[in-house]
Amino acid sequence: DRGLRTLMSLKEMGIKDIGFGQTVSNKNSHDLLPLYELSRSLGMEFA
């Protein structure tokens, strides 16, 4: 929640170079595609 709210606040300020990144491990690869789609819907970079 904190991370996403930080990004949304930056977006509202007009900061352009923002995004989030995921380090894929054994436990979280099933969230890879949902996070990618979230980044697209928010217009943010996804690494």
ModelCIF file with pLDDT and N, C-alpha, C, O atoms, coordinates in Angstrom:
data_MODEL
#
_entry.id   MODEL 
#
_entity.id                         1 
_entity.type                       polymer 
_entity.pdbx_number_of_molecules   1 
#
_entity_poly.entity_id                      1 
_entity_poly.type                           'polypeptide(L)' 
_entity_poly.nstd_linkage                   no 
_entity_poly.nstd_monomer                   no 
_entity_poly.pdbx_seq_one_letter_code       DRGLRTLMSLKEMGIKDIGFGQTVSNKNSHDLLPLYELSRSLGMEFA 
_entity_poly.pdbx_seq_one_letter_code_can   DRGLRTLMSLKEMGIKDIGFGQTVSNKNSHDLLPLYELSRSLGMEFA 
_entity_poly.pdbx_strand_id                 A 
#
loop_
_entity_poly_seq.entity_id 
_entity_poly_seq.num 
_entity_poly_seq.mon_id 
_entity_poly_seq.hetero 
1 1  ASP n 
1 2  ARG n 
1 3  GLY n 
1 4  LEU n 
1 5  ARG n 
1 6  THR n 
1 7  LEU n 
1 8  MET n 
1 9  SER n 
1 10 LEU n 
1 11 LYS n 
1 12 GLU n 
1 13 MET n 
1 14 GLY n 
1 15 ILE n 
1 16 LYS n 
1 17 ASP n 
1 18 ILE n 
1 19 GLY n 
1 20 PHE n 
1 21 GLY n 
1 22 GLN n 
1 23 THR n 
1 24 VAL n 
1 25 SER n 
1 26 ASN n 
1 27 LYS n 
1 28 ASN n 
1 29 SER n 
1 30 HIS n 
1 31 ASP n 
1 32 LEU n 
1 33 LEU n 
1 34 PRO n 
1 35 LEU n 
1 36 TYR n 
1 37 GLU n 
1 38 LEU n 
1 39 SER n 
1 40 ARG n 
1 41 SER n 
1 42 LEU n 
1 43 GLY n 
1 44 MET n 
1 45 GLU n 
1 46 PHE n 
1 47 ALA n 
#
_struct_asym.id          A 
_struct_asym.entity_id   1 
#
loop_
_ma_qa_metric.id 
_ma_qa_metric.mode 
_ma_qa_metric.name 
_ma_qa_metric.software_group_id 
_ma_qa_metric.type 
1 global pLDDT . pLDDT 
2 local  pLDDT . pLDDT 
#
_ma_qa_metric_global.metric_id      1 
_ma_qa_metric_global.metric_value   96.87 
_ma_qa_metric_global.model_id       1 
_ma_qa_metric_global.ordinal_id     1 
#
loop_
_ma_qa_metric_local.label_asym_id 
_ma_qa_metric_local.label_comp_id 
_ma_qa_metric_local.label_seq_id 
_ma_qa_metric_local.metric_id 
_ma_qa_metric_local.metric_value 
_ma_qa_metric_local.model_id 
_ma_qa_metric_local.ordinal_id 
A ASP 1  2 97.00 1 1  
A ARG 2  2 96.00 1 2  
A GLY 3  2 97.00 1 3  
A LEU 4  2 97.00 1 4  
A ARG 5  2 97.00 1 5  
A THR 6  2 98.00 1 6  
A LEU 7  2 98.00 1 7  
A MET 8  2 98.00 1 8  
A SER 9  2 98.00 1 9  
A LEU 10 2 98.00 1 10 
A LYS 11 2 98.00 1 11 
A GLU 12 2 97.00 1 12 
A MET 13 2 97.00 1 13 
A GLY 14 2 97.00 1 14 
A ILE 15 2 97.00 1 15 
A LYS 16 2 96.00 1 16 
A ASP 17 2 97.00 1 17 
A ILE 18 2 98.00 1 18 
A GLY 19 2 97.00 1 19 
A PHE 20 2 95.00 1 20 
A GLY 21 2 96.00 1 21 
A GLN 22 2 97.00 1 22 
A THR 23 2 97.00 1 23 
A VAL 24 2 97.00 1 24 
A SER 25 2 93.00 1 25 
A ASN 26 2 91.00 1 26 
A LYS 27 2 94.00 1 27 
A ASN 28 2 97.00 1 28 
A SER 29 2 97.00 1 29 
A HIS 30 2 97.00 1 30 
A ASP 31 2 98.00 1 31 
A LEU 32 2 98.00 1 32 
A LEU 33 2 98.00 1 33 
A PRO 34 2 98.00 1 34 
A LEU 35 2 98.00 1 35 
A TYR 36 2 98.00 1 36 
A GLU 37 2 98.00 1 37 
A LEU 38 2 97.00 1 38 
A SER 39 2 97.00 1 39 
A ARG 40 2 97.00 1 40 
A SER 41 2 97.00 1 41 
A LEU 42 2 97.00 1 42 
A GLY 43 2 96.00 1 43 
A MET 44 2 97.00 1 44 
A GLU 45 2 96.00 1 45 
A PHE 46 2 97.00 1 46 
A ALA 47 2 97.00 1 47 
#
loop_
_atom_site.group_PDB 
_atom_site.id 
_atom_site.type_symbol 
_atom_site.label_atom_id 
_atom_site.label_alt_id 
_atom_site.label_comp_id 
_atom_site.label_asym_id 
_atom_site.label_entity_id 
_atom_site.label_seq_id 
_atom_site.pdbx_PDB_ins_code 
_atom_site.Cartn_x 
_atom_site.Cartn_y 
_atom_site.Cartn_z 
_atom_site.occupancy 
_atom_site.B_iso_or_equiv 
_atom_site.pdbx_formal_charge 
_atom_site.auth_seq_id 
_atom_site.auth_comp_id 
_atom_site.auth_asym_id 
_atom_site.auth_atom_id 
_atom_site.pdbx_PDB_model_num 
ATOM 1   N N  . ASP A 1 1  ? 0.826  -1.205  0.000   1.00 97.00 ? 1  ASP A N  1 
ATOM 2   C CA . ASP A 1 1  ? 0.000  0.000   0.000   1.00 97.00 ? 1  ASP A CA 1 
ATOM 3   C C  . ASP A 1 1  ? 0.863  1.260   0.000   1.00 97.00 ? 1  ASP A C  1 
ATOM 4   O O  . ASP A 1 1  ? 0.589  2.204   -0.741  1.00 97.00 ? 1  ASP A O  1 
ATOM 5   N N  . ARG A 1 2  ? 1.895  1.274   0.822   1.00 96.00 ? 2  ARG A N  1 
ATOM 6   C CA . ARG A 1 2  ? 2.765  2.453   0.878   1.00 96.00 ? 2  ARG A CA 1 
ATOM 7   C C  . ARG A 1 2  ? 3.464  2.676   -0.464  1.00 96.00 ? 2  ARG A C  1 
ATOM 8   O O  . ARG A 1 2  ? 3.512  3.796   -0.974  1.00 96.00 ? 2  ARG A O  1 
ATOM 9   N N  . GLY A 1 3  ? 4.003  1.599   -1.025  1.00 97.00 ? 3  GLY A N  1 
ATOM 10  C CA . GLY A 1 3  ? 4.713  1.726   -2.296  1.00 97.00 ? 3  GLY A CA 1 
ATOM 11  C C  . GLY A 1 3  ? 3.819  2.258   -3.401  1.00 97.00 ? 3  GLY A C  1 
ATOM 12  O O  . GLY A 1 3  ? 4.205  3.150   -4.155  1.00 97.00 ? 3  GLY A O  1 
ATOM 13  N N  . LEU A 1 4  ? 2.610  1.695   -3.487  1.00 97.00 ? 4  LEU A N  1 
ATOM 14  C CA . LEU A 1 4  ? 1.695  2.112   -4.552  1.00 97.00 ? 4  LEU A CA 1 
ATOM 15  C C  . LEU A 1 4  ? 1.208  3.540   -4.322  1.00 97.00 ? 4  LEU A C  1 
ATOM 16  O O  . LEU A 1 4  ? 1.086  4.316   -5.270  1.00 97.00 ? 4  LEU A O  1 
ATOM 17  N N  . ARG A 1 5  ? 0.931  3.889   -3.065  1.00 97.00 ? 5  ARG A N  1 
ATOM 18  C CA . ARG A 1 5  ? 0.485  5.253   -2.774  1.00 97.00 ? 5  ARG A CA 1 
ATOM 19  C C  . ARG A 1 5  ? 1.589  6.263   -3.081  1.00 97.00 ? 5  ARG A C  1 
ATOM 20  O O  . ARG A 1 5  ? 1.314  7.365   -3.555  1.00 97.00 ? 5  ARG A O  1 
ATOM 21  N N  . THR A 1 6  ? 2.830  5.887   -2.813  1.00 98.00 ? 6  THR A N  1 
ATOM 22  C CA . THR A 1 6  ? 3.947  6.761   -3.164  1.00 98.00 ? 6  THR A CA 1 
ATOM 23  C C  . THR A 1 6  ? 3.976  7.013   -4.666  1.00 98.00 ? 6  THR A C  1 
ATOM 24  O O  . THR A 1 6  ? 4.124  8.151   -5.111  1.00 98.00 ? 6  THR A O  1 
ATOM 25  N N  . LEU A 1 7  ? 3.834  5.950   -5.438  1.00 98.00 ? 7  LEU A N  1 
ATOM 26  C CA . LEU A 1 7  ? 3.841  6.081   -6.897  1.00 98.00 ? 7  LEU A CA 1 
ATOM 27  C C  . LEU A 1 7  ? 2.664  6.923   -7.389  1.00 98.00 ? 7  LEU A C  1 
ATOM 28  O O  . LEU A 1 7  ? 2.826  7.756   -8.281  1.00 98.00 ? 7  LEU A O  1 
ATOM 29  N N  . MET A 1 8  ? 1.495  6.709   -6.818  1.00 98.00 ? 8  MET A N  1 
ATOM 30  C CA . MET A 1 8  ? 0.320  7.477   -7.239  1.00 98.00 ? 8  MET A CA 1 
ATOM 31  C C  . MET A 1 8  ? 0.491  8.957   -6.899  1.00 98.00 ? 8  MET A C  1 
ATOM 32  O O  . MET A 1 8  ? 0.067  9.823   -7.665  1.00 98.00 ? 8  MET A O  1 
ATOM 33  N N  . SER A 1 9  ? 1.100  9.246   -5.769  1.00 98.00 ? 9  SER A N  1 
ATOM 34  C CA . SER A 1 9  ? 1.349  10.639  -5.391  1.00 98.00 ? 9  SER A CA 1 
ATOM 35  C C  . SER A 1 9  ? 2.315  11.293  -6.379  1.00 98.00 ? 9  SER A C  1 
ATOM 36  O O  . SER A 1 9  ? 2.128  12.443  -6.775  1.00 98.00 ? 9  SER A O  1 
ATOM 37  N N  . LEU A 1 10 ? 3.346  10.548  -6.771  1.00 98.00 ? 10 LEU A N  1 
ATOM 38  C CA . LEU A 1 10 ? 4.299  11.061  -7.751  1.00 98.00 ? 10 LEU A CA 1 
ATOM 39  C C  . LEU A 1 10 ? 3.624  11.307  -9.099  1.00 98.00 ? 10 LEU A C  1 
ATOM 40  O O  . LEU A 1 10 ? 3.895  12.301  -9.772  1.00 98.00 ? 10 LEU A O  1 
ATOM 41  N N  . LYS A 1 11 ? 2.750  10.391  -9.477  1.00 98.00 ? 11 LYS A N  1 
ATOM 42  C CA . LYS A 1 11 ? 2.033  10.542  -10.741 1.00 98.00 ? 11 LYS A CA 1 
ATOM 43  C C  . LYS A 1 11 ? 1.150  11.797  -10.716 1.00 98.00 ? 11 LYS A C  1 
ATOM 44  O O  . LYS A 1 11 ? 1.085  12.543  -11.693 1.00 98.00 ? 11 LYS A O  1 
ATOM 45  N N  . GLU A 1 12 ? 0.480  12.013  -9.595  1.00 97.00 ? 12 GLU A N  1 
ATOM 46  C CA . GLU A 1 12 ? -0.378 13.196  -9.464  1.00 97.00 ? 12 GLU A CA 1 
ATOM 47  C C  . GLU A 1 12 ? 0.438  14.484  -9.526  1.00 97.00 ? 12 GLU A C  1 
ATOM 48  O O  . GLU A 1 12 ? -0.066 15.522  -9.956  1.00 97.00 ? 12 GLU A O  1 
ATOM 49  N N  . MET A 1 13 ? 1.709  14.418  -9.093  1.00 97.00 ? 13 MET A N  1 
ATOM 50  C CA . MET A 1 13 ? 2.595  15.583  -9.152  1.00 97.00 ? 13 MET A CA 1 
ATOM 51  C C  . MET A 1 13 ? 3.083  15.862  -10.564 1.00 97.00 ? 13 MET A C  1 
ATOM 52  O O  . MET A 1 13 ? 3.604  16.940  -10.852 1.00 97.00 ? 13 MET A O  1 
ATOM 53  N N  . GLY A 1 14 ? 2.908  14.876  -11.444 1.00 97.00 ? 14 GLY A N  1 
ATOM 54  C CA . GLY A 1 14 ? 3.391  15.040  -12.807 1.00 97.00 ? 14 GLY A CA 1 
ATOM 55  C C  . GLY A 1 14 ? 4.785  14.494  -13.036 1.00 97.00 ? 14 GLY A C  1 
ATOM 56  O O  . GLY A 1 14 ? 5.389  14.762  -14.075 1.00 97.00 ? 14 GLY A O  1 
ATOM 57  N N  . ILE A 1 15 ? 5.312  13.728  -12.081 1.00 97.00 ? 15 ILE A N  1 
ATOM 58  C CA . ILE A 1 15 ? 6.627  13.106  -12.263 1.00 97.00 ? 15 ILE A CA 1 
ATOM 59  C C  . ILE A 1 15 ? 6.502  12.020  -13.329 1.00 97.00 ? 15 ILE A C  1 
ATOM 60  O O  . ILE A 1 15 ? 5.641  11.146  -13.233 1.00 97.00 ? 15 ILE A O  1 
ATOM 61  N N  . LYS A 1 16 ? 7.354  12.075  -14.333 1.00 96.00 ? 16 LYS A N  1 
ATOM 62  C CA . LYS A 1 16 ? 7.215  11.189  -15.495 1.00 96.00 ? 16 LYS A CA 1 
ATOM 63  C C  . LYS A 1 16 ? 7.957  9.853   -15.349 1.00 96.00 ? 16 LYS A C  1 
ATOM 64  O O  . LYS A 1 16 ? 7.447  8.801   -15.735 1.00 96.00 ? 16 LYS A O  1 
ATOM 65  N N  . ASP A 1 17 ? 9.160  9.916   -14.788 1.00 97.00 ? 17 ASP A N  1 
ATOM 66  C CA . ASP A 1 17 ? 10.041 8.739   -14.777 1.00 97.00 ? 17 ASP A CA 1 
ATOM 67  C C  . ASP A 1 17 ? 9.783  7.904   -13.521 1.00 97.00 ? 17 ASP A C  1 
ATOM 68  O O  . ASP A 1 17 ? 10.602 7.877   -12.603 1.00 97.00 ? 17 ASP A O  1 
ATOM 69  N N  . ILE A 1 18 ? 8.644  7.231   -13.495 1.00 98.00 ? 18 ILE A N  1 
ATOM 70  C CA . ILE A 1 18 ? 8.275  6.440   -12.317 1.00 98.00 ? 18 ILE A CA 1 
ATOM 71  C C  . ILE A 1 18 ? 7.830  5.040   -12.742 1.00 98.00 ? 18 ILE A C  1 
ATOM 72  O O  . ILE A 1 18 ? 7.390  4.823   -13.871 1.00 98.00 ? 18 ILE A O  1 
ATOM 73  N N  . GLY A 1 19 ? 7.954  4.115   -11.822 1.00 97.00 ? 19 GLY A N  1 
ATOM 74  C CA . GLY A 1 19 ? 7.523  2.749   -12.109 1.00 97.00 ? 19 GLY A CA 1 
ATOM 75  C C  . GLY A 1 19 ? 7.865  1.839   -10.955 1.00 97.00 ? 19 GLY A C  1 
ATOM 76  O O  . GLY A 1 19 ? 8.345  2.286   -9.913  1.00 97.00 ? 19 GLY A O  1 
ATOM 77  N N  . PHE A 1 20 ? 7.616  0.566   -11.146 1.00 95.00 ? 20 PHE A N  1 
ATOM 78  C CA . PHE A 1 20 ? 7.953  -0.400  -10.108 1.00 95.00 ? 20 PHE A CA 1 
ATOM 79  C C  . PHE A 1 20 ? 8.565  -1.632  -10.738 1.00 95.00 ? 20 PHE A C  1 
ATOM 80  O O  . PHE A 1 20 ? 8.425  -1.880  -11.936 1.00 95.00 ? 20 PHE A O  1 
ATOM 81  N N  . GLY A 1 21 ? 9.244  -2.393  -9.905  1.00 96.00 ? 21 GLY A N  1 
ATOM 82  C CA . GLY A 1 21 ? 9.927  -3.579  -10.392 1.00 96.00 ? 21 GLY A CA 1 
ATOM 83  C C  . GLY A 1 21 ? 9.717  -4.758  -9.481  1.00 96.00 ? 21 GLY A C  1 
ATOM 84  O O  . GLY A 1 21 ? 9.545  -4.602  -8.272  1.00 96.00 ? 21 GLY A O  1 
ATOM 85  N N  . GLN A 1 22 ? 9.730  -5.938  -10.060 1.00 97.00 ? 22 GLN A N  1 
ATOM 86  C CA . GLN A 1 22 ? 9.530  -7.168  -9.300  1.00 97.00 ? 22 GLN A CA 1 
ATOM 87  C C  . GLN A 1 22 ? 10.741 -8.071  -9.452  1.00 97.00 ? 22 GLN A C  1 
ATOM 88  O O  . GLN A 1 22 ? 11.218 -8.306  -10.563 1.00 97.00 ? 22 GLN A O  1 
ATOM 89  N N  . THR A 1 23 ? 11.235 -8.574  -8.332  1.00 97.00 ? 23 THR A N  1 
ATOM 90  C CA . THR A 1 23 ? 12.263 -9.608  -8.346  1.00 97.00 ? 23 THR A CA 1 
ATOM 91  C C  . THR A 1 23 ? 11.558 -10.953 -8.222  1.00 97.00 ? 23 THR A C  1 
ATOM 92  O O  . THR A 1 23 ? 11.003 -11.279 -7.173  1.00 97.00 ? 23 THR A O  1 
ATOM 93  N N  . VAL A 1 24 ? 11.584 -11.717 -9.285  1.00 97.00 ? 24 VAL A N  1 
ATOM 94  C CA . VAL A 1 24 ? 10.832 -12.968 -9.335  1.00 97.00 ? 24 VAL A CA 1 
ATOM 95  C C  . VAL A 1 24 ? 11.607 -14.075 -8.629  1.00 97.00 ? 24 VAL A C  1 
ATOM 96  O O  . VAL A 1 24 ? 12.799 -14.276 -8.865  1.00 97.00 ? 24 VAL A O  1 
ATOM 97  N N  . SER A 1 25 ? 10.902 -14.779 -7.765  1.00 93.00 ? 25 SER A N  1 
ATOM 98  C CA . SER A 1 25 ? 11.480 -15.884 -7.008  1.00 93.00 ? 25 SER A CA 1 
ATOM 99  C C  . SER A 1 25 ? 10.566 -17.097 -7.108  1.00 93.00 ? 25 SER A C  1 
ATOM 100 O O  . SER A 1 25 ? 9.676  -17.145 -7.956  1.00 93.00 ? 25 SER A O  1 
ATOM 101 N N  . ASN A 1 26 ? 10.790 -18.075 -6.236  1.00 91.00 ? 26 ASN A N  1 
ATOM 102 C CA . ASN A 1 26 ? 9.963  -19.284 -6.258  1.00 91.00 ? 26 ASN A CA 1 
ATOM 103 C C  . ASN A 1 26 ? 8.508  -19.001 -5.905  1.00 91.00 ? 26 ASN A C  1 
ATOM 104 O O  . ASN A 1 26 ? 7.606  -19.705 -6.356  1.00 91.00 ? 26 ASN A O  1 
ATOM 105 N N  . LYS A 1 27 ? 8.284  -17.966 -5.095  1.00 94.00 ? 27 LYS A N  1 
ATOM 106 C CA . LYS A 1 27 ? 6.961  -17.767 -4.505  1.00 94.00 ? 27 LYS A CA 1 
ATOM 107 C C  . LYS A 1 27 ? 6.053  -16.817 -5.263  1.00 94.00 ? 27 LYS A C  1 
ATOM 108 O O  . LYS A 1 27 ? 4.836  -16.880 -5.093  1.00 94.00 ? 27 LYS A O  1 
ATOM 109 N N  . ASN A 1 28 ? 6.605  -15.932 -6.099  1.00 97.00 ? 28 ASN A N  1 
ATOM 110 C CA . ASN A 1 28 ? 5.779  -14.824 -6.576  1.00 97.00 ? 28 ASN A CA 1 
ATOM 111 C C  . ASN A 1 28 ? 5.614  -14.716 -8.085  1.00 97.00 ? 28 ASN A C  1 
ATOM 112 O O  . ASN A 1 28 ? 5.104  -13.707 -8.571  1.00 97.00 ? 28 ASN A O  1 
ATOM 113 N N  . SER A 1 29 ? 6.035  -15.734 -8.843  1.00 97.00 ? 29 SER A N  1 
ATOM 114 C CA . SER A 1 29 ? 5.937  -15.582 -10.298 1.00 97.00 ? 29 SER A CA 1 
ATOM 115 C C  . SER A 1 29 ? 4.488  -15.521 -10.773 1.00 97.00 ? 29 SER A C  1 
ATOM 116 O O  . SER A 1 29 ? 4.217  -14.997 -11.854 1.00 97.00 ? 29 SER A O  1 
ATOM 117 N N  . HIS A 1 30 ? 3.549  -16.050 -9.980  1.00 97.00 ? 30 HIS A N  1 
ATOM 118 C CA . HIS A 1 30 ? 2.141  -15.999 -10.367 1.00 97.00 ? 30 HIS A CA 1 
ATOM 119 C C  . HIS A 1 30 ? 1.592  -14.568 -10.316 1.00 97.00 ? 30 HIS A C  1 
ATOM 120 O O  . HIS A 1 30 ? 0.526  -14.291 -10.867 1.00 97.00 ? 30 HIS A O  1 
ATOM 121 N N  . ASP A 1 31 ? 2.323  -13.660 -9.655  1.00 98.00 ? 31 ASP A N  1 
ATOM 122 C CA . ASP A 1 31 ? 1.905  -12.258 -9.612  1.00 98.00 ? 31 ASP A CA 1 
ATOM 123 C C  . ASP A 1 31 ? 2.587  -11.417 -10.690 1.00 98.00 ? 31 ASP A C  1 
ATOM 124 O O  . ASP A 1 31 ? 2.328  -10.218 -10.796 1.00 98.00 ? 31 ASP A O  1 
ATOM 125 N N  . LEU A 1 32 ? 3.446  -12.032 -11.481 1.00 98.00 ? 32 LEU A N  1 
ATOM 126 C CA . LEU A 1 32 ? 4.193  -11.294 -12.511 1.00 98.00 ? 32 LEU A CA 1 
ATOM 127 C C  . LEU A 1 32 ? 3.255  -10.631 -13.519 1.00 98.00 ? 32 LEU A C  1 
ATOM 128 O O  . LEU A 1 32 ? 3.380  -9.436  -13.787 1.00 98.00 ? 32 LEU A O  1 
ATOM 129 N N  . LEU A 1 33 ? 2.339  -11.381 -14.065 1.00 98.00 ? 33 LEU A N  1 
ATOM 130 C CA . LEU A 1 33 ? 1.441  -10.843 -15.096 1.00 98.00 ? 33 LEU A CA 1 
ATOM 131 C C  . LEU A 1 33 ? 0.441  -9.841  -14.532 1.00 98.00 ? 33 LEU A C  1 
ATOM 132 O O  . LEU A 1 33 ? 0.206  -8.815  -15.169 1.00 98.00 ? 33 LEU A O  1 
ATOM 133 N N  . PRO A 1 34 ? -0.166 -10.090 -13.356 1.00 98.00 ? 34 PRO A N  1 
ATOM 134 C CA . PRO A 1 34 ? -1.031 -9.057  -12.777 1.00 98.00 ? 34 PRO A CA 1 
ATOM 135 C C  . PRO A 1 34 ? -0.305 -7.734  -12.508 1.00 98.00 ? 34 PRO A C  1 
ATOM 136 O O  . PRO A 1 34 ? -0.876 -6.662  -12.705 1.00 98.00 ? 34 PRO A O  1 
ATOM 137 N N  . LEU A 1 35 ? 0.946  -7.810  -12.060 1.00 98.00 ? 35 LEU A N  1 
ATOM 138 C CA . LEU A 1 35 ? 1.701  -6.575  -11.823 1.00 98.00 ? 35 LEU A CA 1 
ATOM 139 C C  . LEU A 1 35 ? 2.001  -5.858  -13.137 1.00 98.00 ? 35 LEU A C  1 
ATOM 140 O O  . LEU A 1 35 ? 1.940  -4.631  -13.213 1.00 98.00 ? 35 LEU A O  1 
ATOM 141 N N  . TYR A 1 36 ? 2.322  -6.627  -14.159 1.00 98.00 ? 36 TYR A N  1 
ATOM 142 C CA . TYR A 1 36 ? 2.543  -6.028  -15.483 1.00 98.00 ? 36 TYR A CA 1 
ATOM 143 C C  . TYR A 1 36 ? 1.298  -5.291  -15.956 1.00 98.00 ? 36 TYR A C  1 
ATOM 144 O O  . TYR A 1 36 ? 1.386  -4.162  -16.439 1.00 98.00 ? 36 TYR A O  1 
ATOM 145 N N  . GLU A 1 37 ? 0.139  -5.927  -15.820 1.00 98.00 ? 37 GLU A N  1 
ATOM 146 C CA . GLU A 1 37 ? -1.105 -5.294  -16.258 1.00 98.00 ? 37 GLU A CA 1 
ATOM 147 C C  . GLU A 1 37 ? -1.431 -4.072  -15.396 1.00 98.00 ? 37 GLU A C  1 
ATOM 148 O O  . GLU A 1 37 ? -1.974 -3.085  -15.892 1.00 98.00 ? 37 GLU A O  1 
ATOM 149 N N  . LEU A 1 38 ? -1.097 -4.143  -14.104 1.00 97.00 ? 38 LEU A N  1 
ATOM 150 C CA . LEU A 1 38 ? -1.296 -2.984  -13.233 1.00 97.00 ? 38 LEU A CA 1 
ATOM 151 C C  . LEU A 1 38 ? -0.437 -1.817  -13.708 1.00 97.00 ? 38 LEU A C  1 
ATOM 152 O O  . LEU A 1 38 ? -0.902 -0.679  -13.756 1.00 97.00 ? 38 LEU A O  1 
ATOM 153 N N  . SER A 1 39 ? 0.799  -2.097  -14.053 1.00 97.00 ? 39 SER A N  1 
ATOM 154 C CA . SER A 1 39 ? 1.686  -1.027  -14.521 1.00 97.00 ? 39 SER A CA 1 
ATOM 155 C C  . SER A 1 39 ? 1.152  -0.387  -15.795 1.00 97.00 ? 39 SER A C  1 
ATOM 156 O O  . SER A 1 39 ? 1.233  0.829   -15.963 1.00 97.00 ? 39 SER A O  1 
ATOM 157 N N  . ARG A 1 40 ? 0.613  -1.195  -16.683 1.00 97.00 ? 40 ARG A N  1 
ATOM 158 C CA . ARG A 1 40 ? 0.058  -0.664  -17.931 1.00 97.00 ? 40 ARG A CA 1 
ATOM 159 C C  . ARG A 1 40 ? -1.163 0.217   -17.658 1.00 97.00 ? 40 ARG A C  1 
ATOM 160 O O  . ARG A 1 40 ? -1.323 1.277   -18.263 1.00 97.00 ? 40 ARG A O  1 
ATOM 161 N N  . SER A 1 41 ? -2.008 -0.230  -16.750 1.00 97.00 ? 41 SER A N  1 
ATOM 162 C CA . SER A 1 41 ? -3.215 0.538   -16.459 1.00 97.00 ? 41 SER A CA 1 
ATOM 163 C C  . SER A 1 41 ? -2.886 1.878   -15.803 1.00 97.00 ? 41 SER A C  1 
ATOM 164 O O  . SER A 1 41 ? -3.635 2.846   -15.942 1.00 97.00 ? 41 SER A O  1 
ATOM 165 N N  . LEU A 1 42 ? -1.751 1.928   -15.082 1.00 97.00 ? 42 LEU A N  1 
ATOM 166 C CA . LEU A 1 42 ? -1.342 3.160   -14.411 1.00 97.00 ? 42 LEU A CA 1 
ATOM 167 C C  . LEU A 1 42 ? -0.425 4.018   -15.271 1.00 97.00 ? 42 LEU A C  1 
ATOM 168 O O  . LEU A 1 42 ? -0.101 5.149   -14.910 1.00 97.00 ? 42 LEU A O  1 
ATOM 169 N N  . GLY A 1 43 ? -0.007 3.473   -16.414 1.00 96.00 ? 43 GLY A N  1 
ATOM 170 C CA . GLY A 1 43 ? 0.914  4.205   -17.274 1.00 96.00 ? 43 GLY A CA 1 
ATOM 171 C C  . GLY A 1 43 ? 2.299  4.344   -16.673 1.00 96.00 ? 43 GLY A C  1 
ATOM 172 O O  . GLY A 1 43 ? 2.949  5.377   -16.832 1.00 96.00 ? 43 GLY A O  1 
ATOM 173 N N  . MET A 1 44 ? 2.758  3.294   -15.975 1.00 97.00 ? 44 MET A N  1 
ATOM 174 C CA . MET A 1 44 ? 4.061  3.318   -15.323 1.00 97.00 ? 44 MET A CA 1 
ATOM 175 C C  . MET A 1 44 ? 4.979  2.252   -15.900 1.00 97.00 ? 44 MET A C  1 
ATOM 176 O O  . MET A 1 44 ? 4.531  1.277   -16.503 1.00 97.00 ? 44 MET A O  1 
ATOM 177 N N  . GLU A 1 45 ? 6.276  2.463   -15.700 1.00 96.00 ? 45 GLU A N  1 
ATOM 178 C CA . GLU A 1 45 ? 7.267  1.492   -16.141 1.00 96.00 ? 45 GLU A CA 1 
ATOM 179 C C  . GLU A 1 45 ? 7.191  0.236   -15.268 1.00 96.00 ? 45 GLU A C  1 
ATOM 180 O O  . GLU A 1 45 ? 6.836  0.303   -14.092 1.00 96.00 ? 45 GLU A O  1 
ATOM 181 N N  . PHE A 1 46 ? 7.532  -0.911  -15.870 1.00 97.00 ? 46 PHE A N  1 
ATOM 182 C CA . PHE A 1 46 ? 7.558  -2.165  -15.119 1.00 97.00 ? 46 PHE A CA 1 
ATOM 183 C C  . PHE A 1 46 ? 8.847  -2.905  -15.430 1.00 97.00 ? 46 PHE A C  1 
ATOM 184 O O  . PHE A 1 46 ? 9.084  -3.303  -16.571 1.00 97.00 ? 46 PHE A O  1 
ATOM 185 N N  . ALA A 1 47 ? 9.674  -3.088  -14.421 1.00 97.00 ? 47 ALA A N  1 
ATOM 186 C CA . ALA A 1 47 ? 10.957 -3.766  -14.579 1.00 97.00 ? 47 ALA A CA 1 
ATOM 187 C C  . ALA A 1 47 ? 10.919 -5.119  -13.890 1.00 97.00 ? 47 ALA A C  1 
ATOM 188 O O  . ALA A 1 47 ? 11.909 -5.850  -13.908 1.00 97.00 ? 47 ALA A O  1 
#
